[in-house]
């Protein structure tokens, strides 16, 4: 089981955490054309854009945002991810 969450810190100082459910995982893999495991392998030099895109998908699929990625990213200061106990 893949249990991931992302925390989004905005430029205004607010912060929210979202689970990365199956819909976001699949959408990410289709966009990146690589598995999540491969995309975030520390030995594979993961791209920051991949992490931000996954965070955008998680927030978007939660129903919280409607902005396109390029508009959403302008409000973001940082993104982090955590692997849950199932990983």
Protein backbone atom coordinates (compact mmCIF):
# COMPACT_ATOMS: atom_id res chain seq x y z
CA UNK A 1 0.00 0.00 0.00
CA UNK A 2 1.28 3.45 -0.94
CA UNK A 3 0.41 5.97 1.77
CA UNK A 4 1.61 9.50 0.91
CA UNK A 5 0.59 12.95 2.07
CA UNK A 6 1.81 16.36 0.95
CA UNK A 7 2.05 19.55 2.96
CA UNK A 8 1.69 22.82 1.10
CA UNK A 9 3.04 26.02 2.64
CA UNK A 10 1.74 29.16 0.96
CA UNK A 11 3.48 32.50 0.62
CA UNK A 12 0.89 34.02 2.98
CA UNK A 13 2.14 31.69 5.75
CA UNK A 14 -0.79 29.26 5.78
CA UNK A 15 -0.18 25.55 5.53
CA UNK A 16 -2.33 22.52 4.68
CA UNK A 17 -1.75 18.78 4.38
CA UNK A 18 -3.53 16.59 1.83
CA UNK A 19 -3.51 12.83 1.35
CA UNK A 20 -2.40 11.62 -2.07
CA UNK A 21 -5.19 9.22 -3.02
CA UNK A 22 -5.26 6.82 -5.97
CA UNK A 23 -6.78 9.39 -8.36
CA UNK A 24 -3.86 11.75 -7.76
CA UNK A 25 -1.29 8.95 -7.92
CA UNK A 26 -2.58 7.72 -11.29
CA UNK A 27 -2.89 11.24 -12.73
CA UNK A 28 0.69 11.95 -11.63
CA UNK A 29 2.06 8.78 -13.23
CA UNK A 30 0.26 9.55 -16.49
CA UNK A 31 1.63 13.11 -16.48
CA UNK A 32 5.19 12.14 -15.49
CA UNK A 33 5.22 8.92 -17.56
CA UNK A 34 7.01 7.22 -14.65
CA UNK A 35 5.92 5.57 -11.41
CA UNK A 36 5.74 7.64 -8.23
CA UNK A 37 8.40 5.40 -6.70
CA UNK A 38 10.79 6.13 -9.56
CA UNK A 39 9.92 9.85 -9.64
CA UNK A 40 10.83 10.32 -5.97
CA UNK A 41 13.76 7.90 -5.72
CA UNK A 42 16.51 9.92 -3.98
CA UNK A 43 19.14 8.18 -6.12
CA UNK A 44 17.33 9.26 -9.29
CA UNK A 45 17.60 13.01 -8.64
CA UNK A 46 13.88 13.80 -8.39
CA UNK A 47 12.64 17.01 -10.01
CA UNK A 48 11.03 19.59 -7.74
CA UNK A 49 8.34 20.18 -10.37
CA UNK A 50 7.20 16.59 -9.82
CA UNK A 51 6.65 17.18 -6.11
CA UNK A 52 4.80 20.44 -6.71
CA UNK A 53 2.65 18.84 -9.41
CA UNK A 54 1.75 15.94 -7.11
CA UNK A 55 0.79 18.45 -4.38
CA UNK A 56 -1.36 20.39 -6.85
CA UNK A 57 -3.12 17.18 -7.90
CA UNK A 58 -3.76 16.19 -4.29
CA UNK A 59 -5.26 19.59 -3.45
CA UNK A 60 -7.19 19.76 -6.73
CA UNK A 61 -8.63 16.27 -6.31
CA UNK A 62 -9.70 17.16 -2.76
CA UNK A 63 -12.07 19.68 -4.38
CA UNK A 64 -10.35 22.62 -2.74
CA UNK A 65 -8.88 24.41 -5.79
CA UNK A 66 -9.82 25.09 -9.36
CA UNK A 67 -6.76 27.04 -10.51
CA UNK A 68 -4.53 25.64 -13.21
CA UNK A 69 -1.09 24.53 -12.05
CA UNK A 70 0.81 27.57 -13.35
CA UNK A 71 -1.49 29.95 -11.45
CA UNK A 72 -1.58 27.82 -8.29
CA UNK A 73 2.22 27.59 -8.06
CA UNK A 74 2.54 31.39 -7.84
CA UNK A 75 0.98 31.24 -4.34
CA UNK A 76 3.13 28.37 -3.02
CA UNK A 77 6.26 28.87 -0.90
CA UNK A 78 7.20 25.21 -0.37
CA UNK A 79 5.92 21.64 -0.51
CA UNK A 80 6.94 18.61 1.51
CA UNK A 81 5.86 14.99 1.42
CA UNK A 82 5.60 12.24 3.99
CA UNK A 83 5.37 8.52 3.53
CA UNK A 84 2.89 6.82 5.81
CA UNK A 85 3.35 3.60 7.78
CA UNK A 86 2.31 1.47 4.79
CA UNK A 87 5.51 2.35 2.88
